[in-house]
C-alpha atoms as a PDB file:
ATOM      1  CA  MET A   1      14.395 -13.801   2.440  1.00  0.00           C
ATOM      2  CA  THR A   2      15.036 -10.062   2.897  1.00  0.00           C
ATOM      3  CA  THR A   3      18.469  -8.616   3.006  1.00  0.00           C
ATOM      4  CA  TRP A   4      19.068  -5.482   4.907  1.00  0.00           C
ATOM      5  CA  ILE A   5      21.897  -2.770   4.957  1.00  0.00           C
ATOM      6  CA  GLU A   6      22.974  -0.242   7.536  1.00  0.00           C
ATOM      7  CA  PRO A   7      22.324   3.303   6.395  1.00  0.00           C
ATOM      8  CA  SER A   8      25.947   4.111   6.823  1.00  0.00           C
ATOM      9  CA  ASP A   9      27.029   1.264   4.787  1.00  0.00           C
ATOM     10  CA  LEU A  10      24.565   2.248   1.884  1.00  0.00           C
ATOM     11  CA  LEU A  11      25.930   5.769   2.123  1.00  0.00           C
ATOM     12  CA  ALA A  12      29.439   4.621   1.790  1.00  0.00           C
ATOM     13  CA  LEU A  13      28.454   2.535  -1.336  1.00  0.00           C
ATOM     14  CA  VAL A  14      26.787   5.411  -3.150  1.00  0.00           C
ATOM     15  CA  ALA A  15      29.078   8.162  -2.227  1.00  0.00           C
ATOM     16  CA  GLY A  16      30.737   7.939  -5.591  1.00  0.00           C
ATOM     17  CA  LEU A  17      27.523   8.412  -7.575  1.00  0.00           C
ATOM     18  CA  ARG A  18      26.818  12.005  -8.944  1.00  0.00           C
ATOM     19  CA  VAL A  19      23.079  11.657  -8.617  1.00  0.00           C
ATOM     20  CA  ARG A  20      21.714  14.649  -6.521  1.00  0.00           C
ATOM     21  CA  GLY A  21      18.074  15.390  -5.761  1.00  0.00           C
ATOM     22  CA  ALA A  22      16.395  18.274  -3.952  1.00  0.00           C
ATOM     23  CA  GLU A  23      17.422  16.658  -0.625  1.00  0.00           C
ATOM     24  CA  ALA A  24      21.119  15.661  -0.216  1.00  0.00           C
ATOM     25  CA  VAL A  25      21.785  12.034  -0.271  1.00  0.00           C
ATOM     26  CA  THR A  26      23.165  11.994   3.132  1.00  0.00           C
ATOM     27  CA  ASP A  27      20.168  13.656   4.552  1.00  0.00           C
ATOM     28  CA  VAL A  28      17.954  11.084   2.971  1.00  0.00           C
ATOM     29  CA  VAL A  29      20.004   7.888   3.584  1.00  0.00           C
ATOM     30  CA  MET A  30      20.740   8.995   7.317  1.00  0.00           C
ATOM     31  CA  ARG A  31      17.230  10.206   7.957  1.00  0.00           C
ATOM     32  CA  ARG A  32      16.626   7.253  10.260  1.00  0.00           C
ATOM     33  CA  PRO A  33      20.333   6.169  11.106  1.00  0.00           C
ATOM     34  CA  THR A  34      19.278   3.233  13.382  1.00  0.00           C
ATOM     35  CA  GLU A  35      16.868   1.613  10.795  1.00  0.00           C
ATOM     36  CA  LEU A  36      18.113  -0.931   8.413  1.00  0.00           C
ATOM     37  CA  ILE A  37      17.141  -0.423   4.752  1.00  0.00           C
ATOM     38  CA  PRO A  38      15.680  -3.253   2.856  1.00  0.00           C
ATOM     39  CA  VAL A  39      17.626  -4.526  -0.221  1.00  0.00           C
ATOM     40  CA  THR A  40      16.118  -6.797  -2.923  1.00  0.00           C
ATOM     41  CA  GLU A  41      17.579 -10.185  -3.538  1.00  0.00           C
ATOM     42  CA  PRO A  42      19.784 -10.481  -6.724  1.00  0.00           C
ATOM     43  CA  ALA A  43      17.835 -10.427  -9.811  1.00  0.00           C
ATOM     44  CA  LEU A  44      18.460  -9.574 -13.496  1.00  0.00           C
ATOM     45  CA  PRO A  45      17.197  -6.845 -13.793  1.00  0.00           C
ATOM     46  CA  PRO A  46      16.773  -5.814 -10.094  1.00  0.00           C
ATOM     47  CA  LEU A  47      14.276  -3.135 -11.036  1.00  0.00           C
ATOM     48  CA  ASP A  48      11.491  -3.240 -13.740  1.00  0.00           C
ATOM     49  CA  ILE A  49      13.036  -1.857 -16.916  1.00  0.00           C
ATOM     50  CA  ALA A  50       9.736  -1.181 -18.660  1.00  0.00           C
ATOM     51  CA  THR A  51       8.702   0.899 -15.607  1.00  0.00           C
ATOM     52  CA  TYR A  52      11.654   3.029 -15.804  1.00  0.00           C
ATOM     53  CA  GLU A  53      11.666   3.340 -19.597  1.00  0.00           C
ATOM     54  CA  VAL A  54       8.172   4.879 -19.265  1.00  0.00           C
ATOM     55  CA  ARG A  55       9.290   7.162 -16.529  1.00  0.00           C
ATOM     56  CA  LEU A  56      12.237   8.219 -18.699  1.00  0.00           C
ATOM     57  CA  GLU A  57       9.967   8.904 -21.707  1.00  0.00           C
ATOM     58  CA  ARG A  58       7.588  10.838 -19.530  1.00  0.00           C
ATOM     59  CA  TRP A  59      10.324  12.957 -18.027  1.00  0.00           C
ATOM     60  CA  GLN A  60      11.674  13.773 -21.598  1.00  0.00           C
ATOM     61  CA  GLN A  61       8.496  15.004 -22.465  1.00  0.00           C
ATOM     62  CA  GLY A  62       8.256  17.244 -19.440  1.00  0.00           C
ATOM     63  CA  GLU A  63       5.622  15.139 -17.508  1.00  0.00           C
ATOM     64  CA  GLY A  64       5.781  13.514 -14.105  1.00  0.00           C
ATOM     65  CA  PRO A  65       8.385  13.814 -11.404  1.00  0.00           C
ATOM     66  CA  HIS A  66      11.709  15.441 -11.882  1.00  0.00           C
ATOM     67  CA  LEU A  67      14.252  12.422 -12.403  1.00  0.00           C
ATOM     68  CA  THR A  68      18.034  13.184 -11.893  1.00  0.00           C
ATOM     69  CA  GLY A  69      20.085  10.258 -13.202  1.00  0.00           C
ATOM     70  CA  ILE A  70      17.253   8.357 -15.015  1.00  0.00           C
ATOM     71  CA  GLU A  71      19.012   8.181 -18.325  1.00  0.00           C
ATOM     72  CA  ASP A  72      22.043   6.458 -16.603  1.00  0.00           C
ATOM     73  CA  LEU A  73      19.894   4.194 -14.652  1.00  0.00           C
ATOM     74  CA  VAL A  74      17.777   2.915 -17.543  1.00  0.00           C
ATOM     75  CA  ALA A  75      20.991   2.443 -19.539  1.00  0.00           C
ATOM     76  CA  ALA A  76      22.565   0.382 -16.639  1.00  0.00           C
ATOM     77  CA  LEU A  77      19.374  -1.670 -16.303  1.00  0.00           C
ATOM     78  CA  ARG A  78      19.442  -2.457 -20.051  1.00  0.00           C
ATOM     79  CA  THR A  79      23.108  -3.640 -20.096  1.00  0.00           C
ATOM     80  CA  LEU A  80      23.427  -5.474 -16.651  1.00  0.00           C
ATOM     81  CA  ARG A  81      24.836  -8.917 -17.482  1.00  0.00           C
ATOM     82  CA  GLU A  82      24.853 -10.192 -13.837  1.00  0.00           C
ATOM     83  CA  PRO A  83      22.219 -10.198 -11.126  1.00  0.00           C
ATOM     84  CA  ALA A  84      22.052  -7.005  -9.053  1.00  0.00           C
ATOM     85  CA  ARG A  85      20.172  -5.553  -6.142  1.00  0.00           C
ATOM     86  CA  ALA A  86      17.979  -2.638  -5.622  1.00  0.00           C
ATOM     87  CA  ALA A  87      17.544  -0.374  -2.495  1.00  0.00           C
ATOM     88  CA  CYS A  88      15.152   2.714  -2.261  1.00  0.00           C
ATOM     89  CA  VAL A  89      15.280   5.362   0.368  1.00  0.00           C
ATOM     90  CA  SER A  90      12.823   8.352   0.856  1.00  0.00           C
ATOM     91  CA  GLY A  91      13.280  11.681   2.577  1.00  0.00           C
ATOM     92  CA  LYS A  92      10.759  14.317   3.064  1.00  0.00           C
ATOM     93  CA  VAL A  93      10.873  15.303  -0.680  1.00  0.00           C
ATOM     94  CA  THR A  94      13.407  13.102  -2.610  1.00  0.00           C
ATOM     95  CA  THR A  95      13.323   9.437  -3.004  1.00  0.00           C
ATOM     96  CA  TYR A  96      16.718   7.665  -4.238  1.00  0.00           C
ATOM     97  CA  ALA A  97      16.513   4.335  -6.087  1.00  0.00           C
ATOM     98  CA  TYR A  98      19.875   2.640  -6.219  1.00  0.00           C
ATOM     99  CA  VAL A  99      21.067  -0.460  -8.302  1.00  0.00           C
ATOM    100  CA  LEU A 100      23.763  -2.201  -6.404  1.00  0.00           C
ATOM    101  CA  ASP A 101      25.957  -5.321  -7.247  1.00  0.00           C
ATOM    102  CA  SER A 102      24.900  -8.608  -5.772  1.00  0.00           C
ATOM    103  CA  ALA A 103      27.665  -8.708  -3.251  1.00  0.00           C
ATOM    104  CA  LEU A 104      26.802  -5.063  -1.933  1.00  0.00           C
ATOM    105  CA  THR A 105      30.208  -3.862  -2.624  1.00  0.00           C
ATOM    106  CA  ARG A 106      29.482  -1.153  -5.126  1.00  0.00           C
ATOM    107  CA  ALA A 107      26.728   1.105  -6.575  1.00  0.00           C
ATOM    108  CA  ILE A 108      26.054   0.821 -10.272  1.00  0.00           C
ATOM    109  CA  ALA A 109      23.542   3.473 -10.854  1.00  0.00           C
ATOM    110  CA  ALA A 110      20.859   5.726  -9.156  1.00  0.00           C
ATOM    111  CA  VAL A 111      17.943   7.985  -9.800  1.00  0.00           C
ATOM    112  CA  ALA A 112      16.706  10.815  -7.571  1.00  0.00           C
ATOM    113  CA  ILE A 113      12.897  11.269  -7.727  1.00  0.00           C
ATOM    114  CA  ASP A 114      11.644  14.648  -6.906  1.00  0.00           C
ATOM    115  CA  PRO A 115       8.228  16.374  -7.387  1.00  0.00           C
ATOM    116  CA  PRO A 116       7.539  17.819 -10.863  1.00  0.00           C
ATOM    117  CA  MET A 117       9.163  21.152 -11.547  1.00  0.00           C
ATOM    118  CA  THR A 118       6.640  23.404 -12.975  1.00  0.00           C
ATOM    119  CA  GLY A 119       7.600  25.031 -16.325  1.00  0.00           C
ATOM    120  CA  THR A 120      10.856  23.218 -16.952  1.00  0.00           C
ATOM    121  CA  GLY A 121      11.880  20.191 -19.066  1.00  0.00           C
ATOM    122  CA  PRO A 122      14.586  17.650 -18.845  1.00  0.00           C
END
């Protein structure tokens, strides 16, 4: 069964997070304001930790996409003690991946994924 969230409701949940990509959170989340955003069912962890650990390692080595908030996201995934949900939204340039509590009442962590920045490291 798929759970869905209104873009405005997701925006309210994630407003307190300090993760900012090349595109503003509001622009990405509200890109299609009438389309519901899919949210995963509660799981522990809600995203594959190994995948995000590899992304973190590559980012620290200056490889792959630019990842804002990846360290906090991986730490949150490693320390979760209760099932949580995930939601991903993509803009023209930036994709945001969010970890949300299972009741959809608060955002736990996020990562902004942008194209690689040439000549820069983490």
